[in-house]
Amino acid sequence: MIDFPTVVFAPGQRIFNAGDAADHLYFIQEGTVQLLDAQGQVFVEIADGESFGEQAFLKGGVRGASAQAKTEVSCIQIASEEANQMLSEASPLWVPVFEALLLQQNMHNALRSPIA
């Protein structure tokens, strides 16, 4: 079993930028993360129990938005290579199922209402 690390980001710290190669998925344990569009405008805030960076599991994934910590944020960080290895060892069927679920999450995030 892979033990995924917990990472902590300081308020205002950039987690990743739009256009970066997507290689990690994050699950927020505590804190608030802002997702920013290409102009650097916040379009959604996500918090405890939510995930971001799901493009990491889509082959050739590239970050479509930037992410930064609004508050101190503690996240479980999952490297795409480790997770795909774990999934394929369990059953090769799990990789496309997981990718489909993450694509659905990505679409859900894209449809969320902008912050007023």
PDB file of N, CA and C in Angstrom:
ATOM      1  N   MET A   1       0.848  -1.190   0.000  1.00  0.00           N
ATOM      2  CA  MET A   1       0.000   0.000   0.000  1.00  0.00           C
ATOM      3  C   MET A   1       0.885   1.242   0.000  1.00  0.00           C
ATOM      4  N   ILE A   2       0.532   2.204  -0.806  1.00  0.00           N
ATOM      5  CA  ILE A   2       1.286   3.446  -0.900  1.00  0.00           C
ATOM      6  C   ILE A   2       0.788   4.406   0.181  1.00  0.00           C
ATOM      7  N   ASP A   3       1.725   5.010   0.885  1.00  0.00           N
ATOM      8  CA  ASP A   3       1.388   6.002   1.895  1.00  0.00           C
ATOM      9  C   ASP A   3       1.562   7.376   1.262  1.00  0.00           C
ATOM     10  N   PHE A   4       0.454   8.031   0.930  1.00  0.00           N
ATOM     11  CA  PHE A   4       0.515   9.322   0.256  1.00  0.00           C
ATOM     12  C   PHE A   4       0.877  10.416   1.260  1.00  0.00           C
ATOM     13  N   PRO A   5       1.782  11.318   0.871  1.00  0.00           N
ATOM     14  CA  PRO A   5       2.225  12.365   1.814  1.00  0.00           C
ATOM     15  C   PRO A   5       1.178  13.455   2.010  1.00  0.00           C
ATOM     16  N   THR A   6       1.285  14.100   3.160  1.00  0.00           N
ATOM     17  CA  THR A   6       0.502  15.301   3.437  1.00  0.00           C
ATOM     18  C   THR A   6       1.416  16.490   3.196  1.00  0.00           C
ATOM     19  N   VAL A   7       0.922  17.472   2.459  1.00  0.00           N
ATOM     20  CA  VAL A   7       1.686  18.689   2.183  1.00  0.00           C
ATOM     21  C   VAL A   7       0.920  19.882   2.747  1.00  0.00           C
ATOM     22  N   VAL A   8       1.657  20.890   3.162  1.00  0.00           N
ATOM     23  CA  VAL A   8       1.055  22.089   3.740  1.00  0.00           C
ATOM     24  C   VAL A   8       1.498  23.291   2.920  1.00  0.00           C
ATOM     25  N   PHE A   9       0.531  24.150   2.600  1.00  0.00           N
ATOM     26  CA  PHE A   9       0.796  25.368   1.841  1.00  0.00           C
ATOM     27  C   PHE A   9       0.414  26.569   2.701  1.00  0.00           C
ATOM     28  N   ALA A  10       1.245  27.615   2.657  1.00  0.00           N
ATOM     29  CA  ALA A  10       1.009  28.847   3.413  1.00  0.00           C
ATOM     30  C   ALA A  10      -0.016  29.714   2.683  1.00  0.00           C
ATOM     31  N   PRO A  11      -0.728  30.578   3.420  1.00  0.00           N
ATOM     32  CA  PRO A  11      -1.671  31.487   2.763  1.00  0.00           C
ATOM     33  C   PRO A  11      -0.983  32.264   1.641  1.00  0.00           C
ATOM     34  N   GLY A  12      -1.618  32.288   0.476  1.00  0.00           N
ATOM     35  CA  GLY A  12      -1.089  32.996  -0.683  1.00  0.00           C
ATOM     36  C   GLY A  12      -0.105  32.194  -1.513  1.00  0.00           C
ATOM     37  N   GLN A  13       0.317  31.028  -1.022  1.00  0.00           N
ATOM     38  CA  GLN A  13       1.289  30.227  -1.770  1.00  0.00           C
ATOM     39  C   GLN A  13       0.663  29.602  -3.002  1.00  0.00           C
ATOM     40  N   ARG A  14       1.352  29.709  -4.135  1.00  0.00           N
ATOM     41  CA  ARG A  14       0.894  29.111  -5.389  1.00  0.00           C
ATOM     42  C   ARG A  14       1.179  27.610  -5.327  1.00  0.00           C
ATOM     43  N   ILE A  15       0.193  26.809  -5.616  1.00  0.00           N
ATOM     44  CA  ILE A  15       0.332  25.353  -5.591  1.00  0.00           C
ATOM     45  C   ILE A  15       0.758  24.861  -6.968  1.00  0.00           C
ATOM     46  N   PHE A  16       0.103  25.380  -8.009  1.00  0.00           N
ATOM     47  CA  PHE A  16       0.529  25.139  -9.385  1.00  0.00           C
ATOM     48  C   PHE A  16      -0.053  26.221 -10.265  1.00  0.00           C
ATOM     49  N   ASN A  17       0.477  26.317 -11.488  1.00  0.00           N
ATOM     50  CA  ASN A  17       0.044  27.329 -12.457  1.00  0.00           C
ATOM     51  C   ASN A  17      -0.631  26.682 -13.654  1.00  0.00           C
ATOM     52  N   ALA A  18      -1.558  27.410 -14.255  1.00  0.00           N
ATOM     53  CA  ALA A  18      -2.181  26.963 -15.504  1.00  0.00           C
ATOM     54  C   ALA A  18      -1.074  26.714 -16.521  1.00  0.00           C
ATOM     55  N   GLY A  19      -1.197  25.616 -17.252  1.00  0.00           N
ATOM     56  CA  GLY A  19      -0.208  25.274 -18.260  1.00  0.00           C
ATOM     57  C   GLY A  19       0.865  24.317 -17.764  1.00  0.00           C
ATOM     58  N   ASP A  20       1.008  24.186 -16.432  1.00  0.00           N
ATOM     59  CA  ASP A  20       1.977  23.234 -15.885  1.00  0.00           C
ATOM     60  C   ASP A  20       1.548  21.809 -16.219  1.00  0.00           C
ATOM     61  N   ALA A  21       2.507  20.921 -16.313  1.00  0.00           N
ATOM     62  CA  ALA A  21       2.195  19.493 -16.447  1.00  0.00           C
ATOM     63  C   ALA A  21       1.467  19.065 -15.177  1.00  0.00           C
ATOM     64  N   ALA A  22       0.427  18.302 -15.357  1.00  0.00           N
ATOM     65  CA  ALA A  22      -0.385  17.849 -14.224  1.00  0.00           C
ATOM     66  C   ALA A  22       0.147  16.506 -13.732  1.00  0.00           C
ATOM     67  N   ASP A  23       0.732  16.513 -12.538  1.00  0.00           N
ATOM     68  CA  ASP A  23       1.321  15.276 -12.040  1.00  0.00           C
ATOM     69  C   ASP A  23       0.896  14.897 -10.623  1.00  0.00           C
ATOM     70  N   HIS A  24       0.048  15.727  -9.998  1.00  0.00           N
ATOM     71  CA  HIS A  24      -0.447  15.412  -8.654  1.00  0.00           C
ATOM     72  C   HIS A  24      -1.915  15.790  -8.524  1.00  0.00           C
ATOM     73  N   LEU A  25      -2.613  14.992  -7.763  1.00  0.00           N
ATOM     74  CA  LEU A  25      -3.998  15.245  -7.354  1.00  0.00           C
ATOM     75  C   LEU A  25      -3.944  15.583  -5.871  1.00  0.00           C
ATOM     76  N   TYR A  26      -4.795  16.492  -5.428  1.00  0.00           N
ATOM     77  CA  TYR A  26      -4.799  16.924  -4.036  1.00  0.00           C
ATOM     78  C   TYR A  26      -6.187  16.753  -3.426  1.00  0.00           C
ATOM     79  N   PHE A  27      -6.214  16.269  -2.176  1.00  0.00           N
ATOM     80  CA  PHE A  27      -7.436  16.196  -1.380  1.00  0.00           C
ATOM     81  C   PHE A  27      -7.230  17.092  -0.173  1.00  0.00           C
ATOM     82  N   ILE A  28      -8.088  18.093  -0.041  1.00  0.00           N
ATOM     83  CA  ILE A  28      -7.945  19.074   1.034  1.00  0.00           C
ATOM     84  C   ILE A  28      -8.407  18.459   2.351  1.00  0.00           C
ATOM     85  N   GLN A  29      -7.506  18.444   3.317  1.00  0.00           N
ATOM     86  CA  GLN A  29      -7.853  17.993   4.663  1.00  0.00           C
ATOM     87  C   GLN A  29      -8.345  19.167   5.496  1.00  0.00           C
ATOM     88  N   GLU A  30      -7.687  20.319   5.314  1.00  0.00           N
ATOM     89  CA  GLU A  30      -8.058  21.503   6.069  1.00  0.00           C
ATOM     90  C   GLU A  30      -7.604  22.746   5.312  1.00  0.00           C
ATOM     91  N   GLY A  31      -8.471  23.763   5.287  1.00  0.00           N
ATOM     92  CA  GLY A  31      -8.120  25.018   4.642  1.00  0.00           C
ATOM     93  C   GLY A  31      -8.940  25.289   3.395  1.00  0.00           C
ATOM     94  N   THR A  32      -8.603  26.388   2.719  1.00  0.00           N
ATOM     95  CA  THR A  32      -9.324  26.823   1.525  1.00  0.00           C
ATOM     96  C   THR A  32      -8.338  27.096   0.398  1.00  0.00           C
ATOM     97  N   VAL A  33      -8.658  26.577  -0.786  1.00  0.00           N
ATOM     98  CA  VAL A  33      -7.842  26.770  -1.989  1.00  0.00           C
ATOM     99  C   VAL A  33      -8.652  27.580  -2.987  1.00  0.00           C
ATOM    100  N   GLN A  34      -7.991  28.517  -3.646  1.00  0.00           N
ATOM    101  CA  GLN A  34      -8.613  29.307  -4.706  1.00  0.00           C
ATOM    102  C   GLN A  34      -8.117  28.796  -6.055  1.00  0.00           C
ATOM    103  N   LEU A  35      -9.035  28.644  -6.999  1.00  0.00           N
ATOM    104  CA  LEU A  35      -8.676  28.317  -8.378  1.00  0.00           C
ATOM    105  C   LEU A  35      -8.802  29.600  -9.190  1.00  0.00           C
ATOM    106  N   LEU A  36      -7.765  29.876  -9.992  1.00  0.00           N
ATOM    107  CA  LEU A  36      -7.688  31.122 -10.736  1.00  0.00           C
ATOM    108  C   LEU A  36      -7.675  30.857 -12.241  1.00  0.00           C
ATOM    109  N   ASP A  37      -8.323  31.743 -12.987  1.00  0.00           N
ATOM    110  CA  ASP A  37      -8.348  31.619 -14.440  1.00  0.00           C
ATOM    111  C   ASP A  37      -7.048  32.177 -15.038  1.00  0.00           C
ATOM    112  N   ALA A  38      -6.974  32.197 -16.361  1.00  0.00           N
ATOM    113  CA  ALA A  38      -5.758  32.643 -17.057  1.00  0.00           C
ATOM    114  C   ALA A  38      -5.395  34.092 -16.749  1.00  0.00           C
ATOM    115  N   GLN A  39      -6.374  34.904 -16.342  1.00  0.00           N
ATOM    116  CA  GLN A  39      -6.115  36.304 -16.005  1.00  0.00           C
ATOM    117  C   GLN A  39      -5.776  36.476 -14.518  1.00  0.00           C
ATOM    118  N   GLY A  40      -5.718  35.391 -13.777  1.00  0.00           N
ATOM    119  CA  GLY A  40      -5.397  35.453 -12.354  1.00  0.00           C
ATOM    120  C   GLY A  40      -6.570  35.791 -11.465  1.00  0.00           C
ATOM    121  N   GLN A  41      -7.785  35.710 -12.014  1.00  0.00           N
ATOM    122  CA  GLN A  41      -8.992  35.995 -11.242  1.00  0.00           C
ATOM    123  C   GLN A  41      -9.524  34.712 -10.603  1.00  0.00           C
ATOM    124  N   VAL A  42      -9.877  34.793  -9.326  1.00  0.00           N
ATOM    125  CA  VAL A  42     -10.443  33.649  -8.615  1.00  0.00           C
ATOM    126  C   VAL A  42     -11.822  33.347  -9.187  1.00  0.00           C
ATOM    127  N   PHE A  43     -12.038  32.088  -9.592  1.00  0.00           N
ATOM    128  CA  PHE A  43     -13.369  31.728 -10.093  1.00  0.00           C
ATOM    129  C   PHE A  43     -14.080  30.733  -9.193  1.00  0.00           C
ATOM    130  N   VAL A  44     -13.361  30.124  -8.252  1.00  0.00           N
ATOM    131  CA  VAL A  44     -14.017  29.243  -7.291  1.00  0.00           C
ATOM    132  C   VAL A  44     -13.077  29.029  -6.114  1.00  0.00           C
ATOM    133  N   GLU A  45     -13.674  28.809  -4.951  1.00  0.00           N
ATOM    134  CA  GLU A  45     -12.918  28.427  -3.768  1.00  0.00           C
ATOM    135  C   GLU A  45     -13.401  27.056  -3.332  1.00  0.00           C
ATOM    136  N   ILE A  46     -12.458  26.213  -2.945  1.00  0.00           N
ATOM    137  CA  ILE A  46     -12.803  24.872  -2.479  1.00  0.00           C
ATOM    138  C   ILE A  46     -12.167  24.662  -1.113  1.00  0.00           C
ATOM    139  N   ALA A  47     -12.759  23.767  -0.326  1.00  0.00           N
ATOM    140  CA  ALA A  47     -12.320  23.624   1.057  1.00  0.00           C
ATOM    141  C   ALA A  47     -12.313  22.160   1.487  1.00  0.00           C
ATOM    142  N   ASP A  48     -12.230  21.969   2.796  1.00  0.00           N
ATOM    143  CA  ASP A  48     -12.108  20.650   3.413  1.00  0.00           C
ATOM    144  C   ASP A  48     -12.963  19.594   2.717  1.00  0.00           C
ATOM    145  N   GLY A  49     -12.326  18.459   2.419  1.00  0.00           N
ATOM    146  CA  GLY A  49     -13.033  17.326   1.831  1.00  0.00           C
ATOM    147  C   GLY A  49     -13.123  17.363   0.319  1.00  0.00           C
ATOM    148  N   GLU A  50     -12.747  18.474  -0.306  1.00  0.00           N
ATOM    149  CA  GLU A  50     -12.815  18.572  -1.763  1.00  0.00           C
ATOM    150  C   GLU A  50     -11.450  18.273  -2.371  1.00  0.00           C
ATOM    151  N   SER A  51     -11.465  17.987  -3.666  1.00  0.00           N
ATOM    152  CA  SER A  51     -10.222  17.682  -4.370  1.00  0.00           C
ATOM    153  C   SER A  51     -10.014  18.661  -5.518  1.00  0.00           C
ATOM    154  N   PHE A  52      -8.756  18.747  -5.959  1.00  0.00           N
ATOM    155  CA  PHE A  52      -8.430  19.551  -7.135  1.00  0.00           C
ATOM    156  C   PHE A  52      -7.183  18.960  -7.777  1.00  0.00           C
ATOM    157  N   GLY A  53      -6.984  19.287  -9.041  1.00  0.00           N
ATOM    158  CA  GLY A  53      -5.830  18.766  -9.765  1.00  0.00           C
ATOM    159  C   GLY A  53      -6.105  17.438 -10.439  1.00  0.00           C
ATOM    160  N   GLU A  54      -7.362  17.165 -10.705  1.00  0.00           N
ATOM    161  CA  GLU A  54      -7.740  15.856 -11.263  1.00  0.00           C
ATOM    162  C   GLU A  54      -7.188  15.611 -12.663  1.00  0.00           C
ATOM    163  N   GLN A  55      -6.739  16.657 -13.355  1.00  0.00           N
ATOM    164  CA  GLN A  55      -6.133  16.470 -14.668  1.00  0.00           C
ATOM    165  C   GLN A  55      -4.877  15.615 -14.581  1.00  0.00           C
ATOM    166  N   ALA A  56      -4.324  15.464 -13.383  1.00  0.00           N
ATOM    167  CA  ALA A  56      -3.112  14.673 -13.184  1.00  0.00           C
ATOM    168  C   ALA A  56      -3.300  13.222 -13.601  1.00  0.00           C
ATOM    169  N   PHE A  57      -4.523  12.761 -13.596  1.00  0.00           N
ATOM    170  CA  PHE A  57      -4.761  11.359 -13.918  1.00  0.00           C
ATOM    171  C   PHE A  57      -5.214  11.148 -15.351  1.00  0.00           C
ATOM    172  N   LEU A  58      -5.369  12.218 -16.083  1.00  0.00           N
ATOM    173  CA  LEU A  58      -5.732  12.103 -17.485  1.00  0.00           C
ATOM    174  C   LEU A  58      -4.445  12.123 -18.285  1.00  0.00           C
ATOM    175  N   LYS A  59      -4.267  11.176 -19.170  1.00  0.00           N
ATOM    176  CA  LYS A  59      -3.013  11.060 -19.919  1.00  0.00           C
ATOM    177  C   LYS A  59      -2.668  12.390 -20.599  1.00  0.00           C
ATOM    178  N   GLY A  60      -1.453  12.871 -20.374  1.00  0.00           N
ATOM    179  CA  GLY A  60      -1.023  14.136 -20.953  1.00  0.00           C
ATOM    180  C   GLY A  60      -1.678  15.343 -20.325  1.00  0.00           C
ATOM    181  N   GLY A  61      -2.183  15.179 -19.103  1.00  0.00           N
ATOM    182  CA  GLY A  61      -2.903  16.258 -18.440  1.00  0.00           C
ATOM    183  C   GLY A  61      -2.074  17.511 -18.255  1.00  0.00           C
ATOM    184  N   VAL A  62      -2.702  18.641 -18.501  1.00  0.00           N
ATOM    185  CA  VAL A  62      -2.085  19.950 -18.321  1.00  0.00           C
ATOM    186  C   VAL A  62      -3.038  20.766 -17.459  1.00  0.00           C
ATOM    187  N   ARG A  63      -2.484  21.533 -16.556  1.00  0.00           N
ATOM    188  CA  ARG A  63      -3.316  22.348 -15.655  1.00  0.00           C
ATOM    189  C   ARG A  63      -4.095  23.384 -16.450  1.00  0.00           C
ATOM    190  N   GLY A  64      -5.419  23.368 -16.277  1.00  0.00           N
ATOM    191  CA  GLY A  64      -6.282  24.322 -16.962  1.00  0.00           C
ATOM    192  C   GLY A  64      -6.482  25.594 -16.169  1.00  0.00           C
ATOM    193  N   ALA A  65      -6.085  25.580 -14.899  1.00  0.00           N
ATOM    194  CA  ALA A  65      -6.231  26.732 -14.019  1.00  0.00           C
ATOM    195  C   ALA A  65      -5.052  26.729 -13.056  1.00  0.00           C
ATOM    196  N   SER A  66      -4.879  27.832 -12.369  1.00  0.00           N
ATOM    197  CA  SER A  66      -3.877  27.911 -11.310  1.00  0.00           C
ATOM    198  C   SER A  66      -4.567  27.666  -9.982  1.00  0.00           C
ATOM    199  N   ALA A  67      -3.801  27.218  -9.000  1.00  0.00           N
ATOM    200  CA  ALA A  67      -4.338  26.999  -7.655  1.00  0.00           C
ATOM    201  C   ALA A  67      -3.411  27.658  -6.652  1.00  0.00           C
ATOM    202  N   GLN A  68      -4.032  28.327  -5.661  1.00  0.00           N
ATOM    203  CA  GLN A  68      -3.243  28.913  -4.590  1.00  0.00           C
ATOM    204  C   GLN A  68      -3.999  28.765  -3.278  1.00  0.00           C
ATOM    205  N   ALA A  69      -3.232  28.708  -2.200  1.00  0.00           N
ATOM    206  CA  ALA A  69      -3.819  28.603  -0.873  1.00  0.00           C
ATOM    207  C   ALA A  69      -4.394  29.956  -0.455  1.00  0.00           C
ATOM    208  N   LYS A  70      -5.638  29.968  -0.024  1.00  0.00           N
ATOM    209  CA  LYS A  70      -6.232  31.193   0.524  1.00  0.00           C
ATOM    210  C   LYS A  70      -5.873  31.296   2.005  1.00  0.00           C
ATOM    211  N   THR A  71      -5.968  30.156   2.691  1.00  0.00           N
ATOM    212  CA  THR A  71      -5.590  30.043   4.093  1.00  0.00           C
ATOM    213  C   THR A  71      -4.472  29.011   4.161  1.00  0.00           C
ATOM    214  N   GLU A  72      -3.983  28.716   5.338  1.00  0.00           N
ATOM    215  CA  GLU A  72      -3.061  27.591   5.431  1.00  0.00           C
ATOM    216  C   GLU A  72      -3.843  26.351   5.019  1.00  0.00           C
ATOM    217  N   VAL A  73      -3.261  25.557   4.144  1.00  0.00           N
ATOM    218  CA  VAL A  73      -3.949  24.400   3.578  1.00  0.00           C
ATOM    219  C   VAL A  73      -3.118  23.144   3.809  1.00  0.00           C
ATOM    220  N   SER A  74      -3.783  22.108   4.280  1.00  0.00           N
ATOM    221  CA  SER A  74      -3.172  20.794   4.433  1.00  0.00           C
ATOM    222  C   SER A  74      -3.869  19.856   3.451  1.00  0.00           C
ATOM    223  N   CYS A  75      -3.080  19.208   2.590  1.00  0.00           N
ATOM    224  CA  CYS A  75      -3.638  18.336   1.554  1.00  0.00           C
ATOM    225  C   CYS A  75      -2.928  16.988   1.528  1.00  0.00           C
ATOM    226  N   ILE A  76      -3.658  15.962   1.181  1.00  0.00           N
ATOM    227  CA  ILE A  76      -3.038  14.701   0.806  1.00  0.00           C
ATOM    228  C   ILE A  76      -2.660  14.860  -0.654  1.00  0.00           C
ATOM    229  N   GLN A  77      -1.406  14.575  -0.983  1.00  0.00           N
ATOM    230  CA  GLN A  77      -0.891  14.744  -2.342  1.00  0.00           C
ATOM    231  C   GLN A  77      -0.678  13.354  -2.951  1.00  0.00           C
ATOM    232  N   ILE A  78      -1.307  13.128  -4.098  1.00  0.00           N
ATOM    233  CA  ILE A  78      -1.211  11.826  -4.758  1.00  0.00           C
ATOM    234  C   ILE A  78      -0.560  12.008  -6.123  1.00  0.00           C
ATOM    235  N   ALA A  79       0.600  11.398  -6.295  1.00  0.00           N
ATOM    236  CA  ALA A  79       1.297  11.446  -7.582  1.00  0.00           C
ATOM    237  C   ALA A  79       0.583  10.534  -8.565  1.00  0.00           C
ATOM    238  N   SER A  80       0.372  11.023  -9.786  1.00  0.00           N
ATOM    239  CA  SER A  80      -0.367  10.247 -10.780  1.00  0.00           C
ATOM    240  C   SER A  80       0.314   8.919 -11.078  1.00  0.00           C
ATOM    241  N   GLU A  81       1.634   8.901 -11.154  1.00  0.00           N
ATOM    242  CA  GLU A  81       2.356   7.670 -11.472  1.00  0.00           C
ATOM    243  C   GLU A  81       2.119   6.598 -10.404  1.00  0.00           C
ATOM    244  N   GLU A  82       2.205   6.978  -9.131  1.00  0.00           N
ATOM    245  CA  GLU A  82       1.993   6.023  -8.037  1.00  0.00           C
ATOM    246  C   GLU A  82       0.555   5.524  -8.005  1.00  0.00           C
ATOM    247  N   ALA A  83      -0.397   6.426  -8.176  1.00  0.00           N
ATOM    248  CA  ALA A  83      -1.800   6.032  -8.127  1.00  0.00           C
ATOM    249  C   ALA A  83      -2.163   5.128  -9.303  1.00  0.00           C
ATOM    250  N   ASN A  84      -1.679   5.459 -10.505  1.00  0.00           N
ATOM    251  CA  ASN A  84      -1.965   4.608 -11.661  1.00  0.00           C
ATOM    252  C   ASN A  84      -1.346   3.232 -11.501  1.00  0.00           C
ATOM    253  N   GLN A  85      -0.140   3.167 -10.910  1.00  0.00           N
ATOM    254  CA  GLN A  85       0.500   1.878 -10.647  1.00  0.00           C
ATOM    255  C   GLN A  85      -0.339   1.065  -9.665  1.00  0.00           C
ATOM    256  N   MET A  86      -0.786   1.704  -8.586  1.00  0.00           N
ATOM    257  CA  MET A  86      -1.601   1.026  -7.588  1.00  0.00           C
ATOM    258  C   MET A  86      -2.907   0.521  -8.199  1.00  0.00           C
ATOM    259  N   LEU A  87      -3.546   1.353  -9.009  1.00  0.00           N
ATOM    260  CA  LEU A  87      -4.805   0.965  -9.638  1.00  0.00           C
ATOM    261  C   LEU A  87      -4.612  -0.192 -10.614  1.00  0.00           C
ATOM    262  N   SER A  88      -3.560  -0.142 -11.424  1.00  0.00           N
ATOM    263  CA  SER A  88      -3.349  -1.195 -12.420  1.00  0.00           C
ATOM    264  C   SER A  88      -2.962  -2.513 -11.764  1.00  0.00           C
ATOM    265  N   GLU A  89      -2.293  -2.444 -10.599  1.00  0.00           N
ATOM    266  CA  GLU A  89      -1.965  -3.677  -9.885  1.00  0.00           C
ATOM    267  C   GLU A  89      -3.222  -4.318  -9.314  1.00  0.00           C
ATOM    268  N   ALA A  90      -4.176  -3.499  -8.908  1.00  0.00           N
ATOM    269  CA  ALA A  90      -5.444  -4.030  -8.390  1.00  0.00           C
ATOM    270  C   ALA A  90      -6.248  -4.667  -9.527  1.00  0.00           C
ATOM    271  N   SER A  91      -6.371  -3.952 -10.631  1.00  0.00           N
ATOM    272  CA  SER A  91      -7.064  -4.438 -11.820  1.00  0.00           C
ATOM    273  C   SER A  91      -6.875  -3.400 -12.918  1.00  0.00           C
ATOM    274  N   PRO A  92      -6.472  -3.830 -14.117  1.00  0.00           N
ATOM    275  CA  PRO A  92      -6.310  -2.872 -15.216  1.00  0.00           C
ATOM    276  C   PRO A  92      -7.594  -2.093 -15.519  1.00  0.00           C
ATOM    277  N   LEU A  93      -8.737  -2.649 -15.165  1.00  0.00           N
ATOM    278  CA  LEU A  93     -10.020  -1.989 -15.399  1.00  0.00           C
ATOM    279  C   LEU A  93     -10.159  -0.709 -14.567  1.00  0.00           C
ATOM    280  N   TRP A  94      -9.496  -0.656 -13.408  1.00  0.00           N
ATOM    281  CA  TRP A  94      -9.658   0.498 -12.522  1.00  0.00           C
ATOM    282  C   TRP A  94      -9.106   1.790 -13.100  1.00  0.00           C
ATOM    283  N   VAL A  95      -8.065   1.724 -13.920  1.00  0.00           N
ATOM    284  CA  VAL A  95      -7.471   2.951 -14.460  1.00  0.00           C
ATOM    285  C   VAL A  95      -8.485   3.737 -15.297  1.00  0.00           C
ATOM    286  N   PRO A  96      -9.145   3.125 -16.310  1.00  0.00           N
ATOM    287  CA  PRO A  96     -10.116   3.921 -17.081  1.00  0.00           C
ATOM    288  C   PRO A  96     -11.344   4.325 -16.259  1.00  0.00           C
ATOM    289  N   VAL A  97     -11.741   3.497 -15.300  1.00  0.00           N
ATOM    290  CA  VAL A  97     -12.881   3.866 -14.449  1.00  0.00           C
ATOM    291  C   VAL A  97     -12.523   5.103 -13.624  1.00  0.00           C
ATOM    292  N   PHE A  98     -11.342   5.091 -13.031  1.00  0.00           N
ATOM    293  CA  PHE A  98     -10.891   6.226 -12.227  1.00  0.00           C
ATOM    294  C   PHE A  98     -10.739   7.474 -13.087  1.00  0.00           C
ATOM    295  N   GLU A  99     -10.172   7.316 -14.291  1.00  0.00           N
ATOM    296  CA  GLU A  99     -10.029   8.459 -15.195  1.00  0.00           C
ATOM    297  C   GLU A  99     -11.392   9.049 -15.553  1.00  0.00           C
ATOM    298  N   ALA A 100     -12.387   8.190 -15.771  1.00  0.00           N
ATOM    299  CA  ALA A 100     -13.734   8.676 -16.108  1.00  0.00           C
ATOM    300  C   ALA A 100     -14.337   9.453 -14.939  1.00  0.00           C
ATOM    301  N   LEU A 101     -14.140   8.958 -13.725  1.00  0.00           N
ATOM    302  CA  LEU A 101     -14.668   9.664 -12.555  1.00  0.00           C
ATOM    303  C   LEU A 101     -13.982  11.017 -12.371  1.00  0.00           C
ATOM    304  N   LEU A 102     -12.682  11.058 -12.601  1.00  0.00           N
ATOM    305  CA  LEU A 102     -11.969  12.324 -12.463  1.00  0.00           C
ATOM    306  C   LEU A 102     -12.315  13.307 -13.570  1.00  0.00           C
ATOM    307  N   LEU A 103     -12.585  12.799 -14.762  1.00  0.00           N
ATOM    308  CA  LEU A 103     -13.035  13.674 -15.845  1.00  0.00           C
ATOM    309  C   LEU A 103     -14.387  14.287 -15.472  1.00  0.00           C
ATOM    310  N   GLN A 104     -15.249  13.477 -14.867  1.00  0.00           N
ATOM    311  CA  GLN A 104     -16.542  13.979 -14.420  1.00  0.00           C
ATOM    312  C   GLN A 104     -16.346  15.056 -13.349  1.00  0.00           C
ATOM    313  N   GLN A 105     -15.402  14.850 -12.418  1.00  0.00           N
ATOM    314  CA  GLN A 105     -15.104  15.854 -11.390  1.00  0.00           C
ATOM    315  C   GLN A 105     -14.573  17.127 -12.033  1.00  0.00           C
ATOM    316  N   ASN A 106     -13.708  16.975 -13.033  1.00  0.00           N
ATOM    317  CA  ASN A 106     -13.164  18.117 -13.748  1.00  0.00           C
ATOM    318  C   ASN A 106     -14.292  18.922 -14.397  1.00  0.00           C
ATOM    319  N   MET A 107     -15.229  18.254 -15.026  1.00  0.00           N
ATOM    320  CA  MET A 107     -16.357  18.934 -15.668  1.00  0.00           C
ATOM    321  C   MET A 107     -17.231  19.623 -14.615  1.00  0.00           C
ATOM    322  N   HIS A 108     -17.433  18.975 -13.480  1.00  0.00           N
ATOM    323  CA  HIS A 108     -18.213  19.570 -12.392  1.00  0.00           C
ATOM    324  C   HIS A 108     -17.552  20.861 -11.915  1.00  0.00           C
ATOM    325  N   ASN A 109     -16.219  20.816 -11.711  1.00  0.00           N
ATOM    326  CA  ASN A 109     -15.500  22.012 -11.269  1.00  0.00           C
ATOM    327  C   ASN A 109     -15.610  23.132 -12.295  1.00  0.00           C
ATOM    328  N   ALA A 110     -15.553  22.784 -13.583  1.00  0.00           N
ATOM    329  CA  ALA A 110     -15.622  23.794 -14.641  1.00  0.00           C
ATOM    330  C   ALA A 110     -16.988  24.475 -14.692  1.00  0.00           C
ATOM    331  N   LEU A 111     -18.029  23.772 -14.263  1.00  0.00           N
ATOM    332  CA  LEU A 111     -19.392  24.312 -14.326  1.00  0.00           C
ATOM    333  C   LEU A 111     -19.809  25.071 -13.073  1.00  0.00           C
ATOM    334  N   ARG A 112     -18.967  25.036 -12.052  1.00  0.00           N
ATOM    335  CA  ARG A 112     -19.318  25.717 -10.791  1.00  0.00           C
ATOM    336  C   ARG A 112     -19.458  27.208 -11.026  1.00  0.00           C
ATOM    337  N   SER A 113     -20.353  27.786 -10.280  1.00  0.00           N
ATOM    338  CA  SER A 113     -20.604  29.234 -10.405  1.00  0.00           C
ATOM    339  C   SER A 113     -19.402  30.037  -9.966  1.00  0.00           C
ATOM    340  N   PRO A 114     -19.093  31.100 -10.696  1.00  0.00           N
ATOM    341  CA  PRO A 114     -18.021  31.997 -10.276  1.00  0.00           C
ATOM    342  C   PRO A 114     -18.341  32.650  -8.951  1.00  0.00           C
ATOM    343  N   ILE A 115     -17.325  33.076  -8.233  1.00  0.00           N
ATOM    344  CA  ILE A 115     -17.508  33.790  -6.973  1.00  0.00           C
ATOM    345  C   ILE A 115     -18.032  35.189  -7.294  1.00  0.00           C
ATOM    346  N   ALA A 116     -19.019  35.617  -6.541  1.00  0.00           N
ATOM    347  CA  ALA A 116     -19.602  36.956  -6.762  1.00  0.00           C
ATOM    348  C   ALA A 116     -18.716  38.029  -6.196  1.00  0.00           C
TER     349      ALA A 116
END
